[in-house]
Amino acid sequence: MNIFIESSNLDSILIQNWIDLGHGALRGRHPYHTPVLATQGDTGPDVRTVVLRDANFVQRRLVCHTDIRSPKVRDVQTQPQVAWLFYDRANNTQLRIRGQVQIHHEDELARARWQKSAARSRQCYHAALSPSTPAASPEAPTPLETGFENFAVIDCKVDTIDWLYLQHEGHLRARFDWRDGNWQSTWLAP
């Protein structure tokens, strides 16, 4: 049972949220492993499922990987504010998170993350065509060595966490905002 179910302490809820995000980054079967990431582009908002690769409470970071040629990269280069949606059905918990994104491409962080990636994950970056490009047919991946130039890291500095816990006795909701070097917490009406 999660700590926030047993406690009305906002600090405990915040810490448990980050613990759960960390589990999501490390465990493929955790419900937070594949959140939804929303961006704002020239044609309006867009959402997609991504794989959470890192969650760091101290640094307030959420990380996922992408193809540098993807529309979401263009979106965040224009508007770096993004939103994440996490949902844990078993624990009746939803997290809506907002933050500012920085893209890492062919730099030290990208290289380190590329080296840590499994070979099967690297294959996602081998396509000759950019993501979302119309194609006549599915394309076979090119050799493994060619993927790094397409690989990028989306590094999000978290500014706000909106936590919602659904329960029959009455839902609970809180918001955590990073201001003046600290988390500012408040209960919200669900």
C-alpha atoms as a PDB file:
ATOM      1  CA  MET A   1       0.000   0.000   0.000  1.00  0.00           C
ATOM      2  CA  ASN A   2       1.346   3.437  -0.891  1.00  0.00           C
ATOM      3  CA  ILE A   3       2.332   5.833   1.879  1.00  0.00           C
ATOM      4  CA  PHE A   4      -0.045   8.564   0.654  1.00  0.00           C
ATOM      5  CA  ILE A   5      -3.066   6.335   1.206  1.00  0.00           C
ATOM      6  CA  GLU A   6      -2.136   6.069   4.885  1.00  0.00           C
ATOM      7  CA  SER A   7      -1.056   9.666   5.358  1.00  0.00           C
ATOM      8  CA  SER A   8      -2.475  13.106   4.825  1.00  0.00           C
ATOM      9  CA  ASN A   9       1.026  14.595   5.009  1.00  0.00           C
ATOM     10  CA  LEU A  10       1.755  16.465   1.776  1.00  0.00           C
ATOM     11  CA  ASP A  11       5.523  15.946   2.072  1.00  0.00           C
ATOM     12  CA  SER A  12       4.988  12.178   2.286  1.00  0.00           C
ATOM     13  CA  ILE A  13       2.729  12.269  -0.751  1.00  0.00           C
ATOM     14  CA  LEU A  14       5.319  14.206  -2.772  1.00  0.00           C
ATOM     15  CA  ILE A  15       8.101  11.787  -1.811  1.00  0.00           C
ATOM     16  CA  GLN A  16       5.932   8.758  -2.624  1.00  0.00           C
ATOM     17  CA  ASN A  17       5.119  10.242  -6.031  1.00  0.00           C
ATOM     18  CA  TRP A  18       8.821  10.529  -6.852  1.00  0.00           C
ATOM     19  CA  ILE A  19       9.469   6.998  -5.548  1.00  0.00           C
ATOM     20  CA  ASP A  20       6.716   5.718  -7.839  1.00  0.00           C
ATOM     21  CA  LEU A  21       8.130   7.686 -10.788  1.00  0.00           C
ATOM     22  CA  GLY A  22      11.539   6.132 -10.071  1.00  0.00           C
ATOM     23  CA  HIS A  23       9.989   2.666 -10.108  1.00  0.00           C
ATOM     24  CA  GLY A  24       8.327   3.563 -13.400  1.00  0.00           C
ATOM     25  CA  ALA A  25      11.661   4.474 -14.936  1.00  0.00           C
ATOM     26  CA  LEU A  26      13.281   1.219 -13.802  1.00  0.00           C
ATOM     27  CA  ARG A  27      10.520  -1.343 -14.240  1.00  0.00           C
ATOM     28  CA  GLY A  28       8.976  -2.068 -17.611  1.00  0.00           C
ATOM     29  CA  ARG A  29       5.763  -3.431 -16.093  1.00  0.00           C
ATOM     30  CA  HIS A  30       5.191  -0.477 -13.759  1.00  0.00           C
ATOM     31  CA  PRO A  31       2.177   1.635 -14.824  1.00  0.00           C
ATOM     32  CA  TYR A  32       4.318   4.788 -14.863  1.00  0.00           C
ATOM     33  CA  HIS A  33       6.808   3.271 -17.339  1.00  0.00           C
ATOM     34  CA  THR A  34       4.830   4.489 -20.359  1.00  0.00           C
ATOM     35  CA  PRO A  35       3.315   7.909 -19.631  1.00  0.00           C
ATOM     36  CA  VAL A  36       1.713  10.299 -22.084  1.00  0.00           C
ATOM     37  CA  LEU A  37       3.777  13.351 -23.064  1.00  0.00           C
ATOM     38  CA  ALA A  38       1.980  16.441 -24.404  1.00  0.00           C
ATOM     39  CA  THR A  39       3.585  19.219 -26.423  1.00  0.00           C
ATOM     40  CA  GLN A  40       2.332  22.354 -28.151  1.00  0.00           C
ATOM     41  CA  GLY A  41       3.223  22.744 -31.831  1.00  0.00           C
ATOM     42  CA  ASP A  42       2.342  24.989 -34.738  1.00  0.00           C
ATOM     43  CA  THR A  43      -0.819  22.992 -35.435  1.00  0.00           C
ATOM     44  CA  GLY A  44      -1.926  22.793 -31.783  1.00  0.00           C
ATOM     45  CA  PRO A  45      -1.454  20.367 -28.904  1.00  0.00           C
ATOM     46  CA  ASP A  46      -0.171  16.851 -29.523  1.00  0.00           C
ATOM     47  CA  VAL A  47       0.147  13.817 -27.248  1.00  0.00           C
ATOM     48  CA  ARG A  48       2.000  10.532 -27.465  1.00  0.00           C
ATOM     49  CA  THR A  49       3.052   7.640 -25.250  1.00  0.00           C
ATOM     50  CA  VAL A  50       6.763   7.592 -24.377  1.00  0.00           C
ATOM     51  CA  VAL A  51       8.982   5.368 -22.244  1.00  0.00           C
ATOM     52  CA  LEU A  52      10.096   6.962 -18.967  1.00  0.00           C
ATOM     53  CA  ARG A  53      13.870   6.445 -18.768  1.00  0.00           C
ATOM     54  CA  ASP A  54      14.751   8.358 -15.603  1.00  0.00           C
ATOM     55  CA  ALA A  55      13.054  10.133 -12.704  1.00  0.00           C
ATOM     56  CA  ASN A  56      15.214  12.084 -10.270  1.00  0.00           C
ATOM     57  CA  PHE A  57      13.645  13.742  -7.226  1.00  0.00           C
ATOM     58  CA  VAL A  58      16.712  15.777  -6.241  1.00  0.00           C
ATOM     59  CA  GLN A  59      17.179  17.188  -9.753  1.00  0.00           C
ATOM     60  CA  ARG A  60      13.389  17.361 -10.445  1.00  0.00           C
ATOM     61  CA  ARG A  61      13.982  15.547 -13.726  1.00  0.00           C
ATOM     62  CA  LEU A  62      11.966  13.247 -15.948  1.00  0.00           C
ATOM     63  CA  VAL A  63      13.727  11.800 -18.994  1.00  0.00           C
ATOM     64  CA  CYS A  64      12.641   9.984 -22.131  1.00  0.00           C
ATOM     65  CA  HIS A  65      14.331   9.277 -25.456  1.00  0.00           C
ATOM     66  CA  THR A  66      13.226  10.310 -28.940  1.00  0.00           C
ATOM     67  CA  ASP A  67      14.297  10.682 -32.549  1.00  0.00           C
ATOM     68  CA  ILE A  68      15.793  14.148 -33.111  1.00  0.00           C
ATOM     69  CA  ARG A  69      13.758  14.372 -36.332  1.00  0.00           C
ATOM     70  CA  SER A  70      10.392  13.779 -34.633  1.00  0.00           C
ATOM     71  CA  PRO A  71       7.676  16.463 -34.526  1.00  0.00           C
ATOM     72  CA  LYS A  72       7.813  16.531 -30.711  1.00  0.00           C
ATOM     73  CA  VAL A  73      11.399  17.812 -30.895  1.00  0.00           C
ATOM     74  CA  ARG A  74      10.325  20.669 -33.157  1.00  0.00           C
ATOM     75  CA  ASP A  75       7.436  21.346 -30.775  1.00  0.00           C
ATOM     76  CA  VAL A  76       9.625  21.650 -27.680  1.00  0.00           C
ATOM     77  CA  GLN A  77      12.271  23.687 -29.489  1.00  0.00           C
ATOM     78  CA  THR A  78       9.527  26.247 -30.165  1.00  0.00           C
ATOM     79  CA  GLN A  79       7.624  25.818 -26.884  1.00  0.00           C
ATOM     80  CA  PRO A  80       9.677  24.020 -24.183  1.00  0.00           C
ATOM     81  CA  GLN A  81       6.763  23.724 -21.714  1.00  0.00           C
ATOM     82  CA  VAL A  82       5.387  20.156 -21.714  1.00  0.00           C
ATOM     83  CA  ALA A  83       2.878  18.117 -19.746  1.00  0.00           C
ATOM     84  CA  TRP A  84       3.074  14.473 -18.677  1.00  0.00           C
ATOM     85  CA  LEU A  85       0.221  12.179 -17.692  1.00  0.00           C
ATOM     86  CA  PHE A  86       0.785   9.095 -15.535  1.00  0.00           C
ATOM     87  CA  TYR A  87      -1.971   6.752 -14.403  1.00  0.00           C
ATOM     88  CA  ASP A  88      -1.725   3.821 -11.997  1.00  0.00           C
ATOM     89  CA  ARG A  89      -4.986   1.911 -12.223  1.00  0.00           C
ATOM     90  CA  ALA A  90      -4.130  -0.538  -9.419  1.00  0.00           C
ATOM     91  CA  ASN A  91      -3.480   2.328  -6.973  1.00  0.00           C
ATOM     92  CA  ASN A  92      -6.161   4.658  -8.396  1.00  0.00           C
ATOM     93  CA  THR A  93      -3.600   7.411  -8.830  1.00  0.00           C
ATOM     94  CA  GLN A  94      -3.140  10.004 -11.538  1.00  0.00           C
ATOM     95  CA  LEU A  95      -0.198  12.388 -11.861  1.00  0.00           C
ATOM     96  CA  ARG A  96      -0.270  15.380 -14.170  1.00  0.00           C
ATOM     97  CA  ILE A  97       3.173  16.936 -14.367  1.00  0.00           C
ATOM     98  CA  ARG A  98       4.389  20.084 -16.111  1.00  0.00           C
ATOM     99  CA  GLY A  99       7.911  21.224 -16.759  1.00  0.00           C
ATOM    100  CA  GLN A 100      10.475  22.774 -19.068  1.00  0.00           C
ATOM    101  CA  VAL A 101      12.318  20.595 -21.579  1.00  0.00           C
ATOM    102  CA  GLN A 102      15.854  20.665 -22.867  1.00  0.00           C
ATOM    103  CA  ILE A 103      16.856  18.477 -25.821  1.00  0.00           C
ATOM    104  CA  HIS A 104      20.220  16.685 -25.733  1.00  0.00           C
ATOM    105  CA  HIS A 105      21.562  15.537 -29.096  1.00  0.00           C
ATOM    106  CA  GLU A 106      25.068  14.305 -29.865  1.00  0.00           C
ATOM    107  CA  ASP A 107      26.321  15.653 -26.534  1.00  0.00           C
ATOM    108  CA  GLU A 108      27.769  13.935 -23.461  1.00  0.00           C
ATOM    109  CA  LEU A 109      24.379  13.148 -21.899  1.00  0.00           C
ATOM    110  CA  ALA A 110      22.981  11.759 -25.166  1.00  0.00           C
ATOM    111  CA  ARG A 111      26.100   9.643 -25.686  1.00  0.00           C
ATOM    112  CA  ALA A 112      25.897   8.218 -22.140  1.00  0.00           C
ATOM    113  CA  ARG A 113      22.202   7.397 -22.528  1.00  0.00           C
ATOM    114  CA  TRP A 114      22.826   5.824 -25.950  1.00  0.00           C
ATOM    115  CA  GLN A 115      25.521   3.585 -24.456  1.00  0.00           C
ATOM    116  CA  LYS A 116      23.139   2.481 -21.663  1.00  0.00           C
ATOM    117  CA  SER A 117      20.343   1.673 -24.129  1.00  0.00           C
ATOM    118  CA  ALA A 118      19.670  -1.911 -25.126  1.00  0.00           C
ATOM    119  CA  ALA A 119      20.443  -2.862 -28.741  1.00  0.00           C
ATOM    120  CA  ARG A 120      16.734  -3.473 -29.415  1.00  0.00           C
ATOM    121  CA  SER A 121      15.947   0.060 -28.189  1.00  0.00           C
ATOM    122  CA  ARG A 122      18.634   1.551 -30.419  1.00  0.00           C
ATOM    123  CA  GLN A 123      16.986   0.012 -33.475  1.00  0.00           C
ATOM    124  CA  CYS A 124      14.205   2.588 -33.161  1.00  0.00           C
ATOM    125  CA  TYR A 125      16.625   5.247 -34.419  1.00  0.00           C
ATOM    126  CA  HIS A 126      17.810   3.501 -37.598  1.00  0.00           C
ATOM    127  CA  ALA A 127      15.060   4.588 -39.976  1.00  0.00           C
ATOM    128  CA  ALA A 128      16.141   6.594 -43.002  1.00  0.00           C
ATOM    129  CA  LEU A 129      12.858   8.505 -42.975  1.00  0.00           C
ATOM    130  CA  SER A 130      12.010  10.949 -40.225  1.00  0.00           C
ATOM    131  CA  PRO A 131       9.141  10.023 -37.895  1.00  0.00           C
ATOM    132  CA  SER A 132       5.729  11.051 -39.300  1.00  0.00           C
ATOM    133  CA  THR A 133       7.029  11.115 -42.892  1.00  0.00           C
ATOM    134  CA  PRO A 134       4.610   9.468 -45.357  1.00  0.00           C
ATOM    135  CA  ALA A 135       6.068   6.192 -46.644  1.00  0.00           C
ATOM    136  CA  ALA A 136       5.112   3.807 -49.446  1.00  0.00           C
ATOM    137  CA  SER A 137       5.776   0.752 -47.240  1.00  0.00           C
ATOM    138  CA  PRO A 138       7.340  -0.272 -43.933  1.00  0.00           C
ATOM    139  CA  GLU A 139      11.080   0.193 -43.934  1.00  0.00           C
ATOM    140  CA  ALA A 140      13.776  -2.244 -42.800  1.00  0.00           C
ATOM    141  CA  PRO A 141      16.190  -0.796 -40.239  1.00  0.00           C
ATOM    142  CA  THR A 142      19.657   0.166 -41.368  1.00  0.00           C
ATOM    143  CA  PRO A 143      22.744  -1.184 -39.572  1.00  0.00           C
ATOM    144  CA  LEU A 144      23.008  -0.495 -35.825  1.00  0.00           C
ATOM    145  CA  GLU A 145      25.954   1.928 -36.119  1.00  0.00           C
ATOM    146  CA  THR A 146      23.852   4.531 -37.930  1.00  0.00           C
ATOM    147  CA  GLY A 147      21.256   5.244 -35.238  1.00  0.00           C
ATOM    148  CA  PHE A 148      23.095   7.575 -32.863  1.00  0.00           C
ATOM    149  CA  GLU A 149      22.789  10.632 -35.113  1.00  0.00           C
ATOM    150  CA  ASN A 150      18.992  10.334 -34.798  1.00  0.00           C
ATOM    151  CA  PHE A 151      18.951   9.722 -31.043  1.00  0.00           C
ATOM    152  CA  ALA A 152      17.987  12.498 -28.625  1.00  0.00           C
ATOM    153  CA  VAL A 153      17.156  12.838 -24.944  1.00  0.00           C
ATOM    154  CA  ILE A 154      14.188  14.829 -23.693  1.00  0.00           C
ATOM    155  CA  ASP A 155      15.245  16.149 -20.291  1.00  0.00           C
ATOM    156  CA  CYS A 156      12.382  17.763 -18.377  1.00  0.00           C
ATOM    157  CA  LYS A 157      12.821  19.918 -15.301  1.00  0.00           C
ATOM    158  CA  VAL A 158       9.592  19.458 -13.335  1.00  0.00           C
ATOM    159  CA  ASP A 159       7.787  22.600 -12.137  1.00  0.00           C
ATOM    160  CA  THR A 160       4.382  21.248 -11.074  1.00  0.00           C
ATOM    161  CA  ILE A 161       2.904  17.932  -9.972  1.00  0.00           C
ATOM    162  CA  ASP A 162      -0.865  17.571  -9.701  1.00  0.00           C
ATOM    163  CA  TRP A 163      -1.695  14.384  -7.755  1.00  0.00           C
ATOM    164  CA  LEU A 164      -5.151  12.801  -7.732  1.00  0.00           C
ATOM    165  CA  TYR A 165      -6.066   9.749  -5.664  1.00  0.00           C
ATOM    166  CA  LEU A 166      -9.436   8.210  -6.502  1.00  0.00           C
ATOM    167  CA  GLN A 167     -11.296   6.446  -3.679  1.00  0.00           C
ATOM    168  CA  HIS A 168     -14.918   5.628  -2.898  1.00  0.00           C
ATOM    169  CA  GLU A 169     -14.782   7.546   0.387  1.00  0.00           C
ATOM    170  CA  GLY A 170     -13.885  10.737  -1.471  1.00  0.00           C
ATOM    171  CA  HIS A 171     -11.090  11.622  -3.851  1.00  0.00           C
ATOM    172  CA  LEU A 172      -7.946  13.405  -2.658  1.00  0.00           C
ATOM    173  CA  ARG A 173      -6.017  15.917  -4.733  1.00  0.00           C
ATOM    174  CA  ALA A 174      -2.924  18.021  -4.119  1.00  0.00           C
ATOM    175  CA  ARG A 175      -0.584  20.208  -6.148  1.00  0.00           C
ATOM    176  CA  PHE A 176       3.144  20.629  -5.680  1.00  0.00           C
ATOM    177  CA  ASP A 177       4.778  23.691  -7.268  1.00  0.00           C
ATOM    178  CA  TRP A 178       8.509  24.388  -7.381  1.00  0.00           C
ATOM    179  CA  ARG A 179       8.966  28.013  -6.267  1.00  0.00           C
ATOM    180  CA  ASP A 180      11.850  29.873  -4.683  1.00  0.00           C
ATOM    181  CA  GLY A 181      13.982  26.735  -4.477  1.00  0.00           C
ATOM    182  CA  ASN A 182      11.388  24.615  -2.643  1.00  0.00           C
ATOM    183  CA  TRP A 183       8.290  22.553  -3.234  1.00  0.00           C
ATOM    184  CA  GLN A 184       5.159  24.497  -2.262  1.00  0.00           C
ATOM    185  CA  SER A 185       2.286  22.096  -1.512  1.00  0.00           C
ATOM    186  CA  THR A 186      -1.439  22.661  -1.310  1.00  0.00           C
ATOM    187  CA  TRP A 187      -4.574  20.553  -1.133  1.00  0.00           C
ATOM    188  CA  LEU A 188      -7.029  21.045  -4.014  1.00  0.00           C
ATOM    189  CA  ALA A 189     -10.691  20.207  -4.366  1.00  0.00           C
ATOM    190  CA  PRO A 190     -10.804  17.016  -6.479  1.00  0.00           C
END
